[in-house]
Amino acid sequence: MKIKTIVSMALIFILIFSLTSPASASASGNEAYDQDEIALNEEEQASINELESQGVDTDLVTKVLEVSHYIEYKADQETLQVNLNDEELMNEYGFSESQVDNFDEVLAGTYQTSDDQNIDESPASLDTNSQQVTTSSSGTRAGYLSYQQLTAGTFAVLGSAASVGPAALQAAWVSVSSALGGPLGTVAGISTAVLGTMFFADLALKITGAIQQRSGVAFYLDWGIPPVSTAIE
């Protein structure tokens, strides 16, 4: 178990280093990606449309995914930046001025919709059919995203972003935060600054691994740093 943990931590550090190194920054900088590489498929677009009824700005989420290859961590390793200026966002990717402002908040981790203000963070807010709070050796299980949700369901956007990397996943997480309260309850109310880079690096690995295994990802509350751990189940 100890060796498995060390290997897992090593993979996370390698992933973070590769995404923040000068070579990586150059690759995700001003070089244009092929349109096919950033275009959304039908399942991804359908999952985004499902989010609309939950207070999510689906047009903004679509645009965030389309520029996800340009998103990276700042030097503080907490907040994000995009290697595109406002003019490029508006002229090349169709952002409106208000969406540029909202995108800035997504990158800073402060973006909220009106629905975010009403998220019930108590355990009772969980879906009692499949999201019951339980306790195990991994901690208190506070939520679960199924294989279906991560591939063709509501949160396929997280699956798509995870395949790009932790920075893209963090941006997608923030942009759909108003919908996360249902399946993830208390976890959805924890700020990205508290969760930290390590959490999203680990989550990106767990989500991509879960999809390959046709499994889901469980979320556990604990007293560590970050205060949430995940497991493929």
Protein backbone atom coordinates (compact mmCIF):
# COMPACT_ATOMS: atom_id res chain seq x y z
CA MET A 1 0.00 0.00 0.00
CA LYS A 2 2.86 2.37 0.87
CA ILE A 3 4.62 1.71 -2.44
CA LYS A 4 1.34 2.26 -4.31
CA THR A 5 0.85 5.61 -2.55
CA ILE A 6 4.42 6.71 -3.34
CA VAL A 7 3.99 5.80 -7.02
CA SER A 8 0.69 7.66 -7.16
CA MET A 9 2.23 10.79 -5.60
CA ALA A 10 5.18 10.59 -7.99
CA LEU A 11 2.84 10.49 -10.98
CA ILE A 12 1.01 13.57 -9.70
CA PHE A 13 4.26 15.53 -9.26
CA ILE A 14 5.42 14.53 -12.75
CA LEU A 15 2.07 15.62 -14.21
CA ILE A 16 2.19 19.01 -12.46
CA PHE A 17 5.84 19.58 -13.46
CA SER A 18 5.17 18.71 -17.09
CA LEU A 19 2.26 21.15 -17.24
CA THR A 20 4.16 24.04 -15.64
CA SER A 21 7.55 23.61 -17.31
CA PRO A 22 8.67 26.10 -20.00
CA ALA A 23 8.29 23.42 -22.69
CA SER A 24 4.71 22.80 -21.69
CA ALA A 25 3.95 26.50 -21.51
CA SER A 26 5.29 26.93 -25.01
CA ALA A 27 3.17 24.08 -26.29
CA SER A 28 0.03 25.60 -24.83
CA GLY A 29 0.92 29.17 -25.69
CA ASN A 30 0.30 31.10 -28.87
CA GLU A 31 0.51 28.12 -31.22
CA ALA A 32 -2.93 27.46 -32.63
CA TYR A 33 -4.47 24.05 -32.08
CA ASP A 34 -6.25 22.30 -34.92
CA GLN A 35 -9.99 22.94 -34.81
CA ASP A 36 -10.64 19.18 -34.66
CA GLU A 37 -8.57 18.99 -31.49
CA ILE A 38 -10.72 21.44 -29.55
CA ALA A 39 -14.12 20.87 -31.18
CA LEU A 40 -16.78 19.30 -28.95
CA ASN A 41 -18.35 16.02 -30.00
CA GLU A 42 -22.10 15.39 -29.83
CA GLU A 43 -22.00 13.66 -26.43
CA GLU A 44 -20.00 16.50 -24.86
CA GLN A 45 -22.38 19.09 -26.27
CA ALA A 46 -25.41 17.10 -25.09
CA SER A 47 -23.99 16.86 -21.57
CA ILE A 48 -23.42 20.61 -21.52
CA ASN A 49 -27.02 21.20 -22.57
CA GLU A 50 -28.16 19.08 -19.60
CA LEU A 51 -26.44 21.54 -17.28
CA GLU A 52 -28.56 24.48 -18.43
CA SER A 53 -31.49 23.50 -16.22
CA GLN A 54 -29.17 23.60 -13.20
CA GLY A 55 -28.21 27.25 -13.52
CA VAL A 56 -25.00 26.70 -15.48
CA ASP A 57 -24.03 29.15 -18.23
CA THR A 58 -23.69 26.44 -20.87
CA ASP A 59 -22.39 28.81 -23.53
CA LEU A 60 -19.55 29.82 -21.19
CA VAL A 61 -18.79 26.17 -20.35
CA THR A 62 -18.58 25.34 -24.06
CA LYS A 63 -16.13 28.19 -24.62
CA VAL A 64 -14.04 27.22 -21.58
CA LEU A 65 -13.65 23.71 -23.01
CA GLU A 66 -12.77 25.06 -26.44
CA VAL A 67 -9.82 27.03 -25.02
CA SER A 68 -8.87 24.42 -22.40
CA HIS A 69 -5.55 23.63 -24.11
CA TYR A 70 -4.47 27.22 -23.45
CA ILE A 71 -5.22 27.16 -19.72
CA GLU A 72 -2.35 26.67 -17.27
CA TYR A 73 -1.40 27.38 -13.67
CA LYS A 74 0.17 30.65 -12.62
CA ALA A 75 3.40 30.66 -10.62
CA ASP A 76 1.41 30.55 -7.37
CA GLN A 77 0.16 27.08 -8.42
CA GLU A 78 -3.32 28.01 -7.19
CA THR A 79 -4.96 30.27 -9.76
CA LEU A 80 -5.12 29.84 -13.51
CA GLN A 81 -4.27 31.87 -16.56
CA VAL A 82 -5.00 31.53 -20.26
CA ASN A 83 -2.49 32.12 -23.01
CA LEU A 84 -4.95 34.18 -25.03
CA ASN A 85 -5.74 37.87 -24.69
CA ASP A 86 -9.24 39.32 -24.44
CA GLU A 87 -9.27 40.27 -28.12
CA GLU A 88 -8.43 36.70 -29.16
CA LEU A 89 -11.08 35.29 -26.84
CA MET A 90 -13.75 37.55 -28.36
CA ASN A 91 -12.70 37.50 -32.01
CA GLU A 92 -11.54 33.89 -32.38
CA TYR A 93 -13.68 32.08 -29.82
CA GLY A 94 -16.80 34.23 -29.67
CA PHE A 95 -16.61 35.33 -26.02
CA SER A 96 -18.78 38.32 -25.17
CA GLU A 97 -17.38 41.03 -22.88
CA SER A 98 -19.38 39.68 -19.95
CA GLN A 99 -18.15 36.14 -20.66
CA VAL A 100 -14.56 37.38 -20.66
CA ASP A 101 -15.22 38.85 -17.22
CA ASN A 102 -16.82 35.60 -16.06
CA PHE A 103 -13.92 33.60 -17.51
CA ASP A 104 -11.50 35.74 -15.53
CA GLU A 105 -13.45 34.77 -12.41
CA VAL A 106 -13.35 31.10 -13.43
CA LEU A 107 -9.56 31.31 -13.71
CA ALA A 108 -9.35 33.04 -10.32
CA GLY A 109 -11.64 30.44 -8.77
CA THR A 110 -14.19 33.03 -7.68
CA TYR A 111 -16.87 32.47 -10.33
CA GLN A 112 -20.38 31.93 -9.00
CA THR A 113 -23.83 31.79 -10.52
CA SER A 114 -26.94 32.73 -8.58
CA ASP A 115 -27.53 29.01 -8.03
CA ASP A 116 -24.16 28.66 -6.30
CA GLN A 117 -25.43 30.89 -3.54
CA ASN A 118 -28.18 28.37 -2.78
CA ILE A 119 -26.12 25.16 -2.68
CA ASP A 120 -27.07 23.14 0.38
CA GLU A 121 -23.74 21.87 1.69
CA SER A 122 -25.26 19.57 4.31
CA PRO A 123 -25.10 15.78 3.92
CA ALA A 124 -28.89 15.79 3.54
CA SER A 125 -28.49 17.54 0.19
CA LEU A 126 -26.98 14.40 -1.36
CA ASP A 127 -28.97 12.19 -3.71
CA THR A 128 -30.13 9.51 -1.31
CA ASN A 129 -30.35 6.89 -4.05
CA SER A 130 -26.65 6.79 -4.85
CA GLN A 131 -24.91 9.61 -3.00
CA GLN A 132 -25.41 8.61 0.61
CA VAL A 133 -22.78 9.75 3.08
CA THR A 134 -20.95 6.66 4.32
CA THR A 135 -17.81 6.03 6.33
CA SER A 136 -15.05 3.63 5.32
CA SER A 137 -11.29 3.22 5.72
CA SER A 138 -10.92 5.90 3.03
CA GLY A 139 -12.89 8.44 5.10
CA THR A 140 -16.41 9.80 4.87
CA ARG A 141 -17.81 9.22 1.40
CA ALA A 142 -19.51 12.43 0.37
CA GLY A 143 -20.29 11.94 -3.30
CA TYR A 144 -19.84 9.94 -6.47
CA LEU A 145 -19.60 10.60 -10.20
CA SER A 146 -20.49 7.52 -12.23
CA TYR A 147 -18.95 6.32 -15.48
CA GLN A 148 -22.15 7.33 -17.25
CA GLN A 149 -22.01 10.87 -15.81
CA LEU A 150 -18.35 11.27 -16.79
CA THR A 151 -18.74 10.02 -20.35
CA ALA A 152 -22.23 10.74 -21.67
CA GLY A 153 -24.04 12.26 -18.72
CA THR A 154 -24.21 15.64 -17.06
CA PHE A 155 -20.54 15.81 -16.10
CA ALA A 156 -18.94 14.55 -19.30
CA VAL A 157 -17.41 18.04 -19.45
CA LEU A 158 -15.21 17.05 -16.48
CA GLY A 159 -14.15 13.89 -18.31
CA SER A 160 -13.22 15.94 -21.36
CA ALA A 161 -11.30 18.52 -19.32
CA ALA A 162 -9.48 15.83 -17.31
CA SER A 163 -8.06 14.43 -20.55
CA VAL A 164 -6.42 17.82 -21.18
CA GLY A 165 -4.93 18.21 -17.69
CA PRO A 166 -5.49 19.47 -14.13
CA ALA A 167 -5.62 23.17 -15.04
CA ALA A 168 -8.35 22.57 -17.62
CA LEU A 169 -10.18 20.34 -15.14
CA GLN A 170 -10.06 23.01 -12.45
CA ALA A 171 -11.53 25.59 -14.85
CA ALA A 172 -14.30 23.19 -15.89
CA TRP A 173 -14.99 22.33 -12.23
CA VAL A 174 -15.49 26.00 -11.36
CA SER A 175 -17.63 26.71 -14.42
CA VAL A 176 -20.12 23.92 -13.55
CA SER A 177 -20.00 24.47 -9.78
CA SER A 178 -23.70 25.26 -9.50
CA ALA A 179 -24.51 21.73 -10.73
CA LEU A 180 -21.94 19.90 -8.58
CA GLY A 181 -23.93 20.42 -5.38
CA GLY A 182 -26.30 17.60 -6.29
CA PRO A 183 -23.92 14.66 -6.67
CA LEU A 184 -21.09 16.01 -4.53
CA GLY A 185 -22.85 17.97 -1.78
CA THR A 186 -20.33 19.44 0.66
CA VAL A 187 -17.39 18.91 -1.70
CA ALA A 188 -18.90 21.39 -4.18
CA GLY A 189 -18.73 24.15 -1.58
CA ILE A 190 -14.98 23.84 -0.96
CA SER A 191 -13.00 26.52 -2.79
CA THR A 192 -10.42 25.57 -5.40
CA ALA A 193 -7.77 27.38 -3.33
CA VAL A 194 -8.44 25.00 -0.44
CA LEU A 195 -8.59 21.93 -2.69
CA GLY A 196 -5.32 22.92 -4.35
CA THR A 197 -3.35 21.87 -7.40
CA MET A 198 -2.57 18.42 -6.02
CA PHE A 199 -6.27 17.63 -5.75
CA PHE A 200 -6.99 18.47 -9.39
CA ALA A 201 -3.85 16.69 -10.60
CA ASP A 202 -4.95 13.57 -8.71
CA LEU A 203 -8.58 13.97 -9.83
CA ALA A 204 -7.53 14.26 -13.48
CA LEU A 205 -5.68 10.95 -13.16
CA LYS A 206 -8.61 9.33 -11.33
CA ILE A 207 -11.20 10.48 -13.87
CA THR A 208 -9.18 9.37 -16.90
CA GLY A 209 -8.39 6.08 -15.15
CA ALA A 210 -12.03 5.54 -14.19
CA ILE A 211 -13.19 6.12 -17.75
CA GLN A 212 -10.65 3.61 -19.04
CA GLN A 213 -11.90 1.09 -16.47
CA ARG A 214 -15.57 1.95 -17.09
CA SER A 215 -15.87 2.90 -13.42
CA GLY A 216 -16.75 6.03 -11.47
CA VAL A 217 -14.97 8.31 -9.00
CA ALA A 218 -15.90 8.47 -5.30
CA PHE A 219 -15.15 11.52 -3.15
CA TYR A 220 -14.17 11.22 0.52
CA LEU A 221 -13.90 13.92 3.18
CA ASP A 222 -10.95 13.69 5.55
CA TRP A 223 -8.77 15.88 7.77
CA GLY A 224 -5.80 15.93 5.44
CA ILE A 225 -4.55 18.44 2.87
CA PRO A 226 -6.44 18.61 0.60
CA PRO A 227 -9.53 17.86 2.71
CA VAL A 228 -10.96 15.65 -0.04
CA SER A 229 -9.57 12.43 -1.49
CA THR A 230 -10.84 10.41 -4.42
CA ALA A 231 -10.93 6.77 -5.45
CA ILE A 232 -11.87 4.86 -8.58
CA GLU A 233 -14.87 2.69 -7.70
